[in-house]
PDB file of N, CA and C in Angstrom:
ATOM      1  N   MET A   1       5.146  -1.573 -27.630  1.00  0.00           N
ATOM      2  CA  MET A   1       4.722  -0.484 -26.928  1.00  0.00           C
ATOM      3  C   MET A   1       5.598   0.659 -27.028  1.00  0.00           C
ATOM      4  N   PRO A   2       5.221   1.937 -27.331  1.00  0.00           N
ATOM      5  CA  PRO A   2       6.150   3.095 -27.375  1.00  0.00           C
ATOM      6  C   PRO A   2       6.693   3.333 -26.060  1.00  0.00           C
ATOM      7  N   GLU A   3       7.985   3.801 -26.057  1.00  0.00           N
ATOM      8  CA  GLU A   3       8.810   4.054 -24.735  1.00  0.00           C
ATOM      9  C   GLU A   3       8.073   5.179 -23.946  1.00  0.00           C
ATOM     10  N   GLU A   4       7.373   6.107 -24.670  1.00  0.00           N
ATOM     11  CA  GLU A   4       6.773   7.223 -23.861  1.00  0.00           C
ATOM     12  C   GLU A   4       5.564   6.727 -23.135  1.00  0.00           C
ATOM     13  N   ASP A   5       4.934   5.577 -23.421  1.00  0.00           N
ATOM     14  CA  ASP A   5       3.901   5.137 -22.643  1.00  0.00           C
ATOM     15  C   ASP A   5       4.079   4.426 -21.502  1.00  0.00           C
ATOM     16  N   LEU A   6       5.383   4.209 -21.394  1.00  0.00           N
ATOM     17  CA  LEU A   6       5.822   3.492 -19.911  1.00  0.00           C
ATOM     18  C   LEU A   6       6.187   4.463 -18.876  1.00  0.00           C
ATOM     19  N   ILE A   7       5.794   4.201 -17.636  1.00  0.00           N
ATOM     20  CA  ILE A   7       5.920   4.968 -16.555  1.00  0.00           C
ATOM     21  C   ILE A   7       6.641   4.010 -15.296  1.00  0.00           C
ATOM     22  N   GLU A   8       7.863   4.446 -14.948  1.00  0.00           N
ATOM     23  CA  GLU A   8       8.741   3.637 -13.990  1.00  0.00           C
ATOM     24  C   GLU A   8       8.150   3.884 -12.678  1.00  0.00           C
ATOM     25  N   LEU A   9       7.624   2.871 -11.826  1.00  0.00           N
ATOM     26  CA  LEU A   9       7.175   2.827 -10.575  1.00  0.00           C
ATOM     27  C   LEU A   9       8.147   2.008  -9.620  1.00  0.00           C
ATOM     28  N   LYS A  10       8.173   2.456  -8.426  1.00  0.00           N
ATOM     29  CA  LYS A  10       8.687   1.597  -7.345  1.00  0.00           C
ATOM     30  C   LYS A  10       7.654   1.792  -6.036  1.00  0.00           C
ATOM     31  N   PHE A  11       7.699   0.729  -5.311  1.00  0.00           N
ATOM     32  CA  PHE A  11       6.714   0.861  -4.136  1.00  0.00           C
ATOM     33  C   PHE A  11       7.510   0.646  -3.014  1.00  0.00           C
ATOM     34  N   ARG A  12       7.271   1.481  -2.021  1.00  0.00           N
ATOM     35  CA  ARG A  12       7.915   1.596  -0.828  1.00  0.00           C
ATOM     36  C   ARG A  12       7.055   0.928   0.358  1.00  0.00           C
ATOM     37  N   LEU A  13       7.693  -0.038   0.901  1.00  0.00           N
ATOM     38  CA  LEU A  13       6.937  -0.873   1.983  1.00  0.00           C
ATOM     39  C   LEU A  13       6.930  -0.242   3.366  1.00  0.00           C
ATOM     40  N   PHE A  14       6.324  -0.656   4.241  1.00  0.00           N
ATOM     41  CA  PHE A  14       6.238  -0.064   5.451  1.00  0.00           C
ATOM     42  C   PHE A  14       7.611  -0.037   6.294  1.00  0.00           C
ATOM     43  N   ASP A  15       8.578  -1.002   5.968  1.00  0.00           N
ATOM     44  CA  ASP A  15       9.748  -1.231   6.539  1.00  0.00           C
ATOM     45  C   ASP A  15      10.798  -0.396   5.937  1.00  0.00           C
ATOM     46  N   GLY A  16      10.560   0.385   4.929  1.00  0.00           N
ATOM     47  CA  GLY A  16      11.435   1.054   4.179  1.00  0.00           C
ATOM     48  C   GLY A  16      12.142   0.456   2.899  1.00  0.00           C
ATOM     49  N   SER A  17      11.731  -0.873   2.768  1.00  0.00           N
ATOM     50  CA  SER A  17      12.295  -1.699   1.669  1.00  0.00           C
ATOM     51  C   SER A  17      11.312  -1.262   0.450  1.00  0.00           C
ATOM     52  N   ASP A  18      11.909  -1.607  -0.889  1.00  0.00           N
ATOM     53  CA  ASP A  18      11.185  -1.360  -2.050  1.00  0.00           C
ATOM     54  C   ASP A  18      10.983  -2.553  -2.952  1.00  0.00           C
ATOM     55  N   ILE A  19       9.903  -2.470  -3.690  1.00  0.00           N
ATOM     56  CA  ILE A  19       9.622  -3.336  -4.786  1.00  0.00           C
ATOM     57  C   ILE A  19       9.792  -2.629  -5.991  1.00  0.00           C
ATOM     58  N   GLY A  20      10.561  -3.099  -6.876  1.00  0.00           N
ATOM     59  CA  GLY A  20      10.854  -2.379  -8.154  1.00  0.00           C
ATOM     60  C   GLY A  20      12.033  -1.562  -8.096  1.00  0.00           C
ATOM     61  N   PRO A  21      12.367  -0.682  -9.107  1.00  0.00           N
ATOM     62  CA  PRO A  21      11.356  -0.135 -10.084  1.00  0.00           C
ATOM     63  C   PRO A  21      10.994  -0.958 -11.035  1.00  0.00           C
ATOM     64  N   ILE A  22       9.762  -0.950 -11.653  1.00  0.00           N
ATOM     65  CA  ILE A  22       9.310  -1.794 -12.699  1.00  0.00           C
ATOM     66  C   ILE A  22       8.523  -0.695 -13.678  1.00  0.00           C
ATOM     67  N   ARG A  23       8.492  -0.930 -14.868  1.00  0.00           N
ATOM     68  CA  ARG A  23       7.956  -0.280 -15.868  1.00  0.00           C
ATOM     69  C   ARG A  23       6.572  -0.660 -16.139  1.00  0.00           C
ATOM     70  N   TYR A  24       5.611   0.264 -16.114  1.00  0.00           N
ATOM     71  CA  TYR A  24       4.249  -0.149 -16.463  1.00  0.00           C
ATOM     72  C   TYR A  24       3.676   0.746 -17.538  1.00  0.00           C
ATOM     73  N   SER A  25       2.735   0.252 -18.110  1.00  0.00           N
ATOM     74  CA  SER A  25       1.970   0.993 -19.295  1.00  0.00           C
ATOM     75  C   SER A  25       1.266   2.095 -18.590  1.00  0.00           C
ATOM     76  N   SER A  26       0.929   3.327 -19.164  1.00  0.00           N
ATOM     77  CA  SER A  26       0.207   4.358 -18.586  1.00  0.00           C
ATOM     78  C   SER A  26      -1.292   3.922 -18.561  1.00  0.00           C
ATOM     79  N   THR A  27      -1.614   2.872 -19.164  1.00  0.00           N
ATOM     80  CA  THR A  27      -2.980   2.562 -19.155  1.00  0.00           C
ATOM     81  C   THR A  27      -3.369   1.486 -18.063  1.00  0.00           C
ATOM     82  N   SER A  28      -2.201   1.043 -17.376  1.00  0.00           N
ATOM     83  CA  SER A  28      -2.536   0.114 -16.210  1.00  0.00           C
ATOM     84  C   SER A  28      -3.288   0.578 -15.195  1.00  0.00           C
ATOM     85  N   THR A  29      -4.141  -0.103 -14.570  1.00  0.00           N
ATOM     86  CA  THR A  29      -4.851   0.317 -13.319  1.00  0.00           C
ATOM     87  C   THR A  29      -4.079   0.125 -11.939  1.00  0.00           C
ATOM     88  N   VAL A  30      -4.723   0.770 -11.069  1.00  0.00           N
ATOM     89  CA  VAL A  30      -4.171   0.800  -9.700  1.00  0.00           C
ATOM     90  C   VAL A  30      -4.388  -0.651  -9.151  1.00  0.00           C
ATOM     91  N   ALA A  31      -5.453  -1.361  -9.607  1.00  0.00           N
ATOM     92  CA  ALA A  31      -5.859  -2.605  -9.329  1.00  0.00           C
ATOM     93  C   ALA A  31      -4.822  -3.710  -9.907  1.00  0.00           C
ATOM     94  N   MET A  32      -4.310  -3.463 -11.018  1.00  0.00           N
ATOM     95  CA  MET A  32      -3.267  -4.213 -11.700  1.00  0.00           C
ATOM     96  C   MET A  32      -1.974  -4.161 -10.886  1.00  0.00           C
ATOM     97  N   LEU A  33      -1.615  -2.885 -10.477  1.00  0.00           N
ATOM     98  CA  LEU A  33      -0.468  -2.655  -9.605  1.00  0.00           C
ATOM     99  C   LEU A  33      -0.425  -3.329  -8.445  1.00  0.00           C
ATOM    100  N   LYS A  34      -1.795  -3.372  -7.658  1.00  0.00           N
ATOM    101  CA  LYS A  34      -1.772  -4.211  -6.472  1.00  0.00           C
ATOM    102  C   LYS A  34      -1.722  -5.547  -6.732  1.00  0.00           C
ATOM    103  N   ASP A  35      -2.193  -6.146  -7.738  1.00  0.00           N
ATOM    104  CA  ASP A  35      -2.018  -7.572  -8.035  1.00  0.00           C
ATOM    105  C   ASP A  35      -0.461  -7.924  -8.210  1.00  0.00           C
ATOM    106  N   ARG A  36       0.235  -7.038  -8.840  1.00  0.00           N
ATOM    107  CA  ARG A  36       1.648  -7.156  -9.018  1.00  0.00           C
ATOM    108  C   ARG A  36       2.370  -7.143  -7.689  1.00  0.00           C
ATOM    109  N   ILE A  37       2.044  -6.204  -6.836  1.00  0.00           N
ATOM    110  CA  ILE A  37       2.634  -6.168  -5.527  1.00  0.00           C
ATOM    111  C   ILE A  37       2.371  -7.182  -4.800  1.00  0.00           C
ATOM    112  N   ILE A  38       1.276  -7.907  -4.791  1.00  0.00           N
ATOM    113  CA  ILE A  38       0.982  -9.020  -4.118  1.00  0.00           C
ATOM    114  C   ILE A  38       1.809 -10.177  -4.508  1.00  0.00           C
ATOM    115  N   SER A  39       2.016 -10.272  -5.979  1.00  0.00           N
ATOM    116  CA  SER A  39       2.902 -11.375  -6.415  1.00  0.00           C
ATOM    117  C   SER A  39       4.361 -11.171  -6.144  1.00  0.00           C
ATOM    118  N   GLU A  40       4.834  -9.937  -6.072  1.00  0.00           N
ATOM    119  CA  GLU A  40       6.241  -9.532  -5.921  1.00  0.00           C
ATOM    120  C   GLU A  40       6.697  -9.492  -4.318  1.00  0.00           C
ATOM    121  N   TRP A  41       5.541  -9.566  -3.480  1.00  0.00           N
ATOM    122  CA  TRP A  41       5.884  -9.303  -2.060  1.00  0.00           C
ATOM    123  C   TRP A  41       6.874 -10.120  -1.461  1.00  0.00           C
ATOM    124  N   PRO A  42       7.778  -9.696  -0.701  1.00  0.00           N
ATOM    125  CA  PRO A  42       8.993 -10.503  -0.075  1.00  0.00           C
ATOM    126  C   PRO A  42       8.335 -11.418   0.936  1.00  0.00           C
ATOM    127  N   ARG A  43       8.701 -12.655   0.829  1.00  0.00           N
ATOM    128  CA  ARG A  43       8.014 -13.645   1.776  1.00  0.00           C
ATOM    129  C   ARG A  43       8.593 -13.652   3.182  1.00  0.00           C
ATOM    130  N   ASP A  44       9.702 -12.924   3.454  1.00  0.00           N
ATOM    131  CA  ASP A  44      10.283 -12.955   4.691  1.00  0.00           C
ATOM    132  C   ASP A  44       9.809 -11.709   5.495  1.00  0.00           C
ATOM    133  N   LYS A  45       8.756 -11.092   5.093  1.00  0.00           N
ATOM    134  CA  LYS A  45       8.128 -10.034   5.929  1.00  0.00           C
ATOM    135  C   LYS A  45       7.231 -10.529   6.956  1.00  0.00           C
ATOM    136  N   LYS A  46       7.175  -9.776   8.173  1.00  0.00           N
ATOM    137  CA  LYS A  46       6.146 -10.286   9.175  1.00  0.00           C
ATOM    138  C   LYS A  46       4.662 -10.158   8.694  1.00  0.00           C
ATOM    139  N   ILE A  47       4.331  -9.070   7.846  1.00  0.00           N
ATOM    140  CA  ILE A  47       3.027  -8.828   7.441  1.00  0.00           C
ATOM    141  C   ILE A  47       3.127  -9.030   5.964  1.00  0.00           C
ATOM    142  N   ILE A  48       2.214  -9.988   5.500  1.00  0.00           N
ATOM    143  CA  ILE A  48       2.065 -10.368   4.113  1.00  0.00           C
ATOM    144  C   ILE A  48       0.517 -10.147   3.585  1.00  0.00           C
ATOM    145  N   PRO A  49       0.367  -9.327   2.710  1.00  0.00           N
ATOM    146  CA  PRO A  49      -1.071  -9.158   2.354  1.00  0.00           C
ATOM    147  C   PRO A  49      -1.467 -10.450   1.521  1.00  0.00           C
ATOM    148  N   GLU A  50      -2.746 -10.647   1.664  1.00  0.00           N
ATOM    149  CA  GLU A  50      -3.263 -12.024   1.025  1.00  0.00           C
ATOM    150  C   GLU A  50      -4.063 -11.583  -0.296  1.00  0.00           C
ATOM    151  N   VAL A  51      -4.620 -10.395  -0.325  1.00  0.00           N
ATOM    152  CA  VAL A  51      -5.509 -10.114  -1.487  1.00  0.00           C
ATOM    153  C   VAL A  51      -5.155  -8.613  -1.791  1.00  0.00           C
ATOM    154  N   ALA A  52      -5.632  -8.198  -3.113  1.00  0.00           N
ATOM    155  CA  ALA A  52      -5.265  -6.774  -3.287  1.00  0.00           C
ATOM    156  C   ALA A  52      -5.939  -5.833  -2.592  1.00  0.00           C
ATOM    157  N   ASN A  53      -7.310  -6.271  -2.028  1.00  0.00           N
ATOM    158  CA  ASN A  53      -7.977  -5.338  -1.247  1.00  0.00           C
ATOM    159  C   ASN A  53      -7.285  -4.969   0.178  1.00  0.00           C
ATOM    160  N   ASP A  54      -6.215  -5.685   0.506  1.00  0.00           N
ATOM    161  CA  ASP A  54      -5.482  -5.538   1.855  1.00  0.00           C
ATOM    162  C   ASP A  54      -4.468  -4.491   1.664  1.00  0.00           C
ATOM    163  N   VAL A  55      -4.225  -4.131   0.325  1.00  0.00           N
ATOM    164  CA  VAL A  55      -3.193  -3.093   0.103  1.00  0.00           C
ATOM    165  C   VAL A  55      -3.757  -1.820  -0.216  1.00  0.00           C
ATOM    166  N   LYS A  56      -3.279  -0.578   0.289  1.00  0.00           N
ATOM    167  CA  LYS A  56      -3.543   0.663  -0.206  1.00  0.00           C
ATOM    168  C   LYS A  56      -2.414   1.286  -0.632  1.00  0.00           C
ATOM    169  N   LEU A  57      -2.475   2.040  -1.985  1.00  0.00           N
ATOM    170  CA  LEU A  57      -1.395   2.598  -2.553  1.00  0.00           C
ATOM    171  C   LEU A  57      -1.448   4.195  -2.375  1.00  0.00           C
ATOM    172  N   ILE A  58      -0.588   4.885  -1.957  1.00  0.00           N
ATOM    173  CA  ILE A  58      -0.488   6.419  -1.726  1.00  0.00           C
ATOM    174  C   ILE A  58       0.414   6.870  -2.576  1.00  0.00           C
ATOM    175  N   SER A  59       0.010   8.127  -3.262  1.00  0.00           N
ATOM    176  CA  SER A  59       0.942   8.817  -4.293  1.00  0.00           C
ATOM    177  C   SER A  59       0.638  10.221  -3.978  1.00  0.00           C
ATOM    178  N   ALA A  60       1.494  11.113  -3.770  1.00  0.00           N
ATOM    179  CA  ALA A  60       1.422  12.480  -3.506  1.00  0.00           C
ATOM    180  C   ALA A  60       0.464  12.742  -2.513  1.00  0.00           C
ATOM    181  N   GLY A  61       0.424  11.945  -1.488  1.00  0.00           N
ATOM    182  CA  GLY A  61      -0.398  12.102  -0.317  1.00  0.00           C
ATOM    183  C   GLY A  61      -1.777  11.621  -0.507  1.00  0.00           C
ATOM    184  N   LYS A  62      -2.135  11.058  -1.467  1.00  0.00           N
ATOM    185  CA  LYS A  62      -3.702  10.582  -1.735  1.00  0.00           C
ATOM    186  C   LYS A  62      -3.621   9.289  -1.929  1.00  0.00           C
ATOM    187  N   ILE A  63      -4.750   8.486  -1.339  1.00  0.00           N
ATOM    188  CA  ILE A  63      -5.045   7.062  -1.622  1.00  0.00           C
ATOM    189  C   ILE A  63      -5.525   6.964  -2.903  1.00  0.00           C
ATOM    190  N   LEU A  64      -4.975   6.016  -3.672  1.00  0.00           N
ATOM    191  CA  LEU A  64      -5.495   5.888  -5.153  1.00  0.00           C
ATOM    192  C   LEU A  64      -6.502   4.768  -5.185  1.00  0.00           C
ATOM    193  N   GLU A  65      -7.409   5.156  -5.935  1.00  0.00           N
ATOM    194  CA  GLU A  65      -8.707   4.187  -6.234  1.00  0.00           C
ATOM    195  C   GLU A  65      -8.263   3.181  -7.220  1.00  0.00           C
ATOM    196  N   ASN A  66      -8.957   2.021  -7.028  1.00  0.00           N
ATOM    197  CA  ASN A  66      -8.570   0.797  -7.984  1.00  0.00           C
ATOM    198  C   ASN A  66      -8.783   1.114  -9.432  1.00  0.00           C
ATOM    199  N   ASN A  67      -9.771   1.943  -9.803  1.00  0.00           N
ATOM    200  CA  ASN A  67     -10.083   2.199 -11.307  1.00  0.00           C
ATOM    201  C   ASN A  67      -9.130   3.378 -11.927  1.00  0.00           C
ATOM    202  N   MET A  68      -8.247   3.910 -11.222  1.00  0.00           N
ATOM    203  CA  MET A  68      -7.394   5.010 -11.657  1.00  0.00           C
ATOM    204  C   MET A  68      -6.386   4.271 -12.477  1.00  0.00           C
ATOM    205  N   THR A  69      -5.928   5.141 -13.529  1.00  0.00           N
ATOM    206  CA  THR A  69      -4.759   4.561 -14.441  1.00  0.00           C
ATOM    207  C   THR A  69      -3.400   5.194 -13.928  1.00  0.00           C
ATOM    208  N   VAL A  70      -2.357   4.584 -14.323  1.00  0.00           N
ATOM    209  CA  VAL A  70      -1.210   5.086 -13.859  1.00  0.00           C
ATOM    210  C   VAL A  70      -0.924   6.528 -14.374  1.00  0.00           C
ATOM    211  N   ALA A  71      -1.346   6.714 -15.520  1.00  0.00           N
ATOM    212  CA  ALA A  71      -1.409   8.068 -16.308  1.00  0.00           C
ATOM    213  C   ALA A  71      -2.049   9.143 -15.224  1.00  0.00           C
ATOM    214  N   GLN A  72      -3.136   8.698 -14.803  1.00  0.00           N
ATOM    215  CA  GLN A  72      -3.973   9.608 -13.893  1.00  0.00           C
ATOM    216  C   GLN A  72      -3.033   9.771 -12.692  1.00  0.00           C
ATOM    217  N   CYS A  73      -2.472   8.776 -12.148  1.00  0.00           N
ATOM    218  CA  CYS A  73      -1.695   8.836 -10.941  1.00  0.00           C
ATOM    219  C   CYS A  73      -0.547   9.780 -11.053  1.00  0.00           C
ATOM    220  N   ALA A  74       0.152   9.718 -12.214  1.00  0.00           N
ATOM    221  CA  ALA A  74       1.376  10.393 -12.441  1.00  0.00           C
ATOM    222  C   ALA A  74       1.133  11.799 -12.820  1.00  0.00           C
ATOM    223  N   SER A  75      -0.180  12.141 -13.002  1.00  0.00           N
ATOM    224  CA  SER A  75      -0.453  13.560 -13.224  1.00  0.00           C
ATOM    225  C   SER A  75      -0.890  14.354 -12.024  1.00  0.00           C
ATOM    226  N   SER A  76       0.391  14.687 -11.391  1.00  0.00           N
ATOM    227  CA  SER A  76       0.233  15.383 -10.156  1.00  0.00           C
ATOM    228  C   SER A  76       1.119  16.554 -10.216  1.00  0.00           C
ATOM    229  N   PRO A  77       1.141  17.360  -9.081  1.00  0.00           N
ATOM    230  CA  PRO A  77       2.180  18.573  -9.082  1.00  0.00           C
ATOM    231  C   PRO A  77       3.619  18.156  -9.364  1.00  0.00           C
ATOM    232  N   PHE A  78       3.973  16.891  -9.180  1.00  0.00           N
ATOM    233  CA  PHE A  78       5.342  16.572  -9.497  1.00  0.00           C
ATOM    234  C   PHE A  78       5.604  16.158 -10.864  1.00  0.00           C
ATOM    235  N   SER A  79       4.549  16.006 -11.719  1.00  0.00           N
ATOM    236  CA  SER A  79       4.821  15.567 -13.007  1.00  0.00           C
ATOM    237  C   SER A  79       5.710  16.540 -13.753  1.00  0.00           C
ATOM    238  N   GLU A  80       5.892  17.854 -13.351  1.00  0.00           N
ATOM    239  CA  GLU A  80       6.861  18.856 -14.076  1.00  0.00           C
ATOM    240  C   GLU A  80       8.297  18.425 -13.617  1.00  0.00           C
ATOM    241  N   LEU A  81       8.527  17.600 -12.694  1.00  0.00           N
ATOM    242  CA  LEU A  81       9.832  17.224 -12.429  1.00  0.00           C
ATOM    243  C   LEU A  81      10.518  16.358 -13.531  1.00  0.00           C
ATOM    244  N   PRO A  82      11.744  16.245 -13.631  1.00  0.00           N
ATOM    245  CA  PRO A  82      12.467  15.553 -14.638  1.00  0.00           C
ATOM    246  C   PRO A  82      11.962  14.083 -14.586  1.00  0.00           C
ATOM    247  N   ALA A  83      11.846  13.372 -15.645  1.00  0.00           N
ATOM    248  CA  ALA A  83      11.478  12.025 -15.818  1.00  0.00           C
ATOM    249  C   ALA A  83      12.289  11.082 -15.029  1.00  0.00           C
ATOM    250  N   GLY A  84      11.604  10.308 -14.182  1.00  0.00           N
ATOM    251  CA  GLY A  84      12.275   9.489 -13.318  1.00  0.00           C
ATOM    252  C   GLY A  84      11.427   8.375 -12.526  1.00  0.00           C
ATOM    253  N   VAL A  85      11.815   7.785 -11.611  1.00  0.00           N
ATOM    254  CA  VAL A  85      11.228   6.711 -10.924  1.00  0.00           C
ATOM    255  C   VAL A  85      10.181   7.457  -9.907  1.00  0.00           C
ATOM    256  N   ILE A  86       8.793   7.108 -10.195  1.00  0.00           N
ATOM    257  CA  ILE A  86       7.844   7.570  -9.213  1.00  0.00           C
ATOM    258  C   ILE A  86       7.525   6.571  -7.982  1.00  0.00           C
ATOM    259  N   THR A  87       7.619   7.019  -6.695  1.00  0.00           N
ATOM    260  CA  THR A  87       7.572   6.254  -5.767  1.00  0.00           C
ATOM    261  C   THR A  87       6.192   6.232  -5.089  1.00  0.00           C
ATOM    262  N   MET A  88       5.555   5.033  -4.876  1.00  0.00           N
ATOM    263  CA  MET A  88       4.197   5.060  -4.259  1.00  0.00           C
ATOM    264  C   MET A  88       4.451   4.180  -2.863  1.00  0.00           C
ATOM    265  N   HIS A  89       3.687   4.794  -1.942  1.00  0.00           N
ATOM    266  CA  HIS A  89       3.780   3.994  -0.654  1.00  0.00           C
ATOM    267  C   HIS A  89       2.665   3.071  -0.655  1.00  0.00           C
ATOM    268  N   VAL A  90       3.162   1.883   0.170  1.00  0.00           N
ATOM    269  CA  VAL A  90       2.260   0.778   0.214  1.00  0.00           C
ATOM    270  C   VAL A  90       1.883   0.578   1.649  1.00  0.00           C
ATOM    271  N   VAL A  91       0.450   0.647   1.937  1.00  0.00           N
ATOM    272  CA  VAL A  91       0.158   0.409   3.350  1.00  0.00           C
ATOM    273  C   VAL A  91      -0.818  -0.885   3.412  1.00  0.00           C
ATOM    274  N   VAL A  92      -0.501  -1.748   4.142  1.00  0.00           N
ATOM    275  CA  VAL A  92      -1.080  -3.035   4.204  1.00  0.00           C
ATOM    276  C   VAL A  92      -2.196  -2.935   5.366  1.00  0.00           C
ATOM    277  N   GLN A  93      -3.479  -3.054   5.160  1.00  0.00           N
ATOM    278  CA  GLN A  93      -4.607  -3.112   5.918  1.00  0.00           C
ATOM    279  C   GLN A  93      -5.572  -4.202   5.696  1.00  0.00           C
ATOM    280  N   PRO A  94      -5.325  -5.330   6.569  1.00  0.00           N
ATOM    281  CA  PRO A  94      -6.142  -6.616   6.275  1.00  0.00           C
ATOM    282  C   PRO A  94      -7.514  -6.197   6.400  1.00  0.00           C
ATOM    283  N   SER A  95      -8.286  -7.197   5.683  1.00  0.00           N
ATOM    284  CA  SER A  95      -9.753  -7.206   5.619  1.00  0.00           C
ATOM    285  C   SER A  95     -10.348  -7.049   7.073  1.00  0.00           C
ATOM    286  N   SER A  96     -11.488  -6.374   7.237  1.00  0.00           N
ATOM    287  CA  SER A  96     -12.145  -6.240   8.569  1.00  0.00           C
ATOM    288  C   SER A  96     -12.473  -7.398   9.284  1.00  0.00           C
ATOM    289  N   THR A  97     -12.811  -8.572   8.659  1.00  0.00           N
ATOM    290  CA  THR A  97     -13.332  -9.691   9.366  1.00  0.00           C
ATOM    291  C   THR A  97     -12.118 -10.478   9.860  1.00  0.00           C
ATOM    292  N   LYS A  98     -11.044 -10.465   9.320  1.00  0.00           N
ATOM    293  CA  LYS A  98      -9.973 -10.966   9.875  1.00  0.00           C
ATOM    294  C   LYS A  98      -9.430 -10.148  11.252  1.00  0.00           C
ATOM    295  N   THR A  99      -9.471  -8.834  11.057  1.00  0.00           N
ATOM    296  CA  THR A  99      -9.164  -7.829  12.199  1.00  0.00           C
ATOM    297  C   THR A  99     -10.152  -8.081  13.318  1.00  0.00           C
ATOM    298  N   LYS A 100     -11.490  -8.191  13.059  1.00  0.00           N
ATOM    299  CA  LYS A 100     -12.316  -8.446  14.167  1.00  0.00           C
ATOM    300  C   LYS A 100     -12.124  -9.692  14.940  1.00  0.00           C
ATOM    301  N   THR A 101     -11.879 -10.764  14.165  1.00  0.00           N
ATOM    302  CA  THR A 101     -11.500 -12.151  14.862  1.00  0.00           C
ATOM    303  C   THR A 101     -10.240 -12.189  15.535  1.00  0.00           C
ATOM    304  N   GLU A 102      -9.153 -11.339  15.198  1.00  0.00           N
ATOM    305  CA  GLU A 102      -8.067 -11.135  15.945  1.00  0.00           C
ATOM    306  C   GLU A 102      -8.226 -10.302  17.231  1.00  0.00           C
ATOM    307  N   LYS A 103      -9.111  -9.201  17.075  1.00  0.00           N
ATOM    308  CA  LYS A 103      -9.298  -8.434  18.182  1.00  0.00           C
ATOM    309  C   LYS A 103      -9.890  -9.213  19.317  1.00  0.00           C
ATOM    310  N   ARG A 104     -10.893 -10.114  18.957  1.00  0.00           N
ATOM    311  CA  ARG A 104     -11.634 -10.786  20.057  1.00  0.00           C
ATOM    312  C   ARG A 104     -10.596 -11.841  20.710  1.00  0.00           C
ATOM    313  N   ILE A 105      -9.860 -12.356  20.148  1.00  0.00           N
ATOM    314  CA  ILE A 105      -8.728 -13.113  20.831  1.00  0.00           C
ATOM    315  C   ILE A 105      -7.836 -12.237  21.748  1.00  0.00           C
ATOM    316  N   ASP A 106      -7.496 -11.063  21.309  1.00  0.00           N
ATOM    317  CA  ASP A 106      -6.625 -10.341  21.912  1.00  0.00           C
ATOM    318  C   ASP A 106      -7.145  -9.437  23.118  1.00  0.00           C
ATOM    319  N   GLU A 107      -8.440  -9.303  22.983  1.00  0.00           N
ATOM    320  CA  GLU A 107      -9.246  -8.531  23.968  1.00  0.00           C
ATOM    321  C   GLU A 107      -9.982  -9.283  24.952  1.00  0.00           C
ATOM    322  N   SER A 108      -9.296 -10.314  25.496  1.00  0.00           N
ATOM    323  CA  SER A 108      -9.800 -11.268  26.552  1.00  0.00           C
ATOM    324  C   SER A 108      -9.818 -10.504  27.771  1.00  0.00           C
ATOM    325  N   PRO A 109     -10.806 -10.629  28.683  1.00  0.00           N
ATOM    326  CA  PRO A 109     -11.052  -9.848  29.754  1.00  0.00           C
ATOM    327  C   PRO A 109      -9.737  -9.873  30.838  1.00  0.00           C
ATOM    328  N   LYS A 110      -9.244  -8.730  31.025  1.00  0.00           N
ATOM    329  CA  LYS A 110      -8.248  -8.656  31.988  1.00  0.00           C
ATOM    330  C   LYS A 110      -8.654  -8.046  33.252  1.00  0.00           C
ATOM    331  N   LYS A 111      -8.221  -8.885  34.373  1.00  0.00           N
ATOM    332  CA  LYS A 111      -8.634  -8.394  35.734  1.00  0.00           C
ATOM    333  C   LYS A 111      -7.423  -7.445  36.250  1.00  0.00           C
ATOM    334  N   THR A 112      -7.836  -6.134  36.368  1.00  0.00           N
ATOM    335  CA  THR A 112      -6.797  -5.252  37.074  1.00  0.00           C
ATOM    336  C   THR A 112      -7.554  -4.566  38.352  1.00  0.00           C
ATOM    337  N   ALA A 113      -6.801  -4.285  39.181  1.00  0.00           N
ATOM    338  CA  ALA A 113      -7.351  -3.541  40.228  1.00  0.00           C
ATOM    339  C   ALA A 113      -6.820  -1.994  40.099  1.00  0.00           C
ATOM    340  N   CYS A 114      -7.857  -1.228  40.608  1.00  0.00           N
ATOM    341  CA  CYS A 114      -7.444   0.092  40.506  1.00  0.00           C
ATOM    342  C   CYS A 114      -8.087   0.802  41.725  1.00  0.00           C
ATOM    343  N   SER A 115      -7.169   1.657  42.433  1.00  0.00           N
ATOM    344  CA  SER A 115      -7.597   2.400  43.412  1.00  0.00           C
ATOM    345  C   SER A 115      -7.253   3.977  43.315  1.00  0.00           C
ATOM    346  N   CYS A 116      -8.109   4.835  43.936  1.00  0.00           N
ATOM    347  CA  CYS A 116      -7.832   6.225  43.714  1.00  0.00           C
ATOM    348  C   CYS A 116      -7.745   6.724  45.102  1.00  0.00           C
ATOM    349  N   SER A 117      -6.977   7.783  45.322  1.00  0.00           N
ATOM    350  CA  SER A 117      -6.976   8.479  46.689  1.00  0.00           C
ATOM    351  C   SER A 117      -7.173   9.914  46.419  1.00  0.00           C
ATOM    352  N   ILE A 118      -8.073  10.632  47.154  1.00  0.00           N
ATOM    353  CA  ILE A 118      -8.314  12.001  46.897  1.00  0.00           C
ATOM    354  C   ILE A 118      -7.763  12.608  48.253  1.00  0.00           C
ATOM    355  N   LEU A 119      -6.768  13.477  48.261  1.00  0.00           N
ATOM    356  CA  LEU A 119      -6.256  14.026  49.440  1.00  0.00           C
ATOM    357  C   LEU A 119      -6.793  15.528  49.693  1.00  0.00           C
TER     358      LEU A 119
END
């Protein structure tokens, strides 16, 4: 694979730690990146994504779609900067069914008394 077809990426996690930098082919898709992130995810973190759909990648302020290629992601206003590592931010957003189940447990009825006085 020619050297110019490789783009160096690192992924910034929610706590400020990084995965990478790792070189990817410019034809790699965002879905492939997400799969790699899941496999490289540090196991000592409090939040661990289970599937690729639990992960959102953000580059240049935009959420990246799974079918985008790395070349499309790298063609941003920052592409004129000298070649280097591109940092993408990783947001973990668990699937909605898991979130709904957790909410039901956490939202147990709480008895609170409230009183108001108008003077």
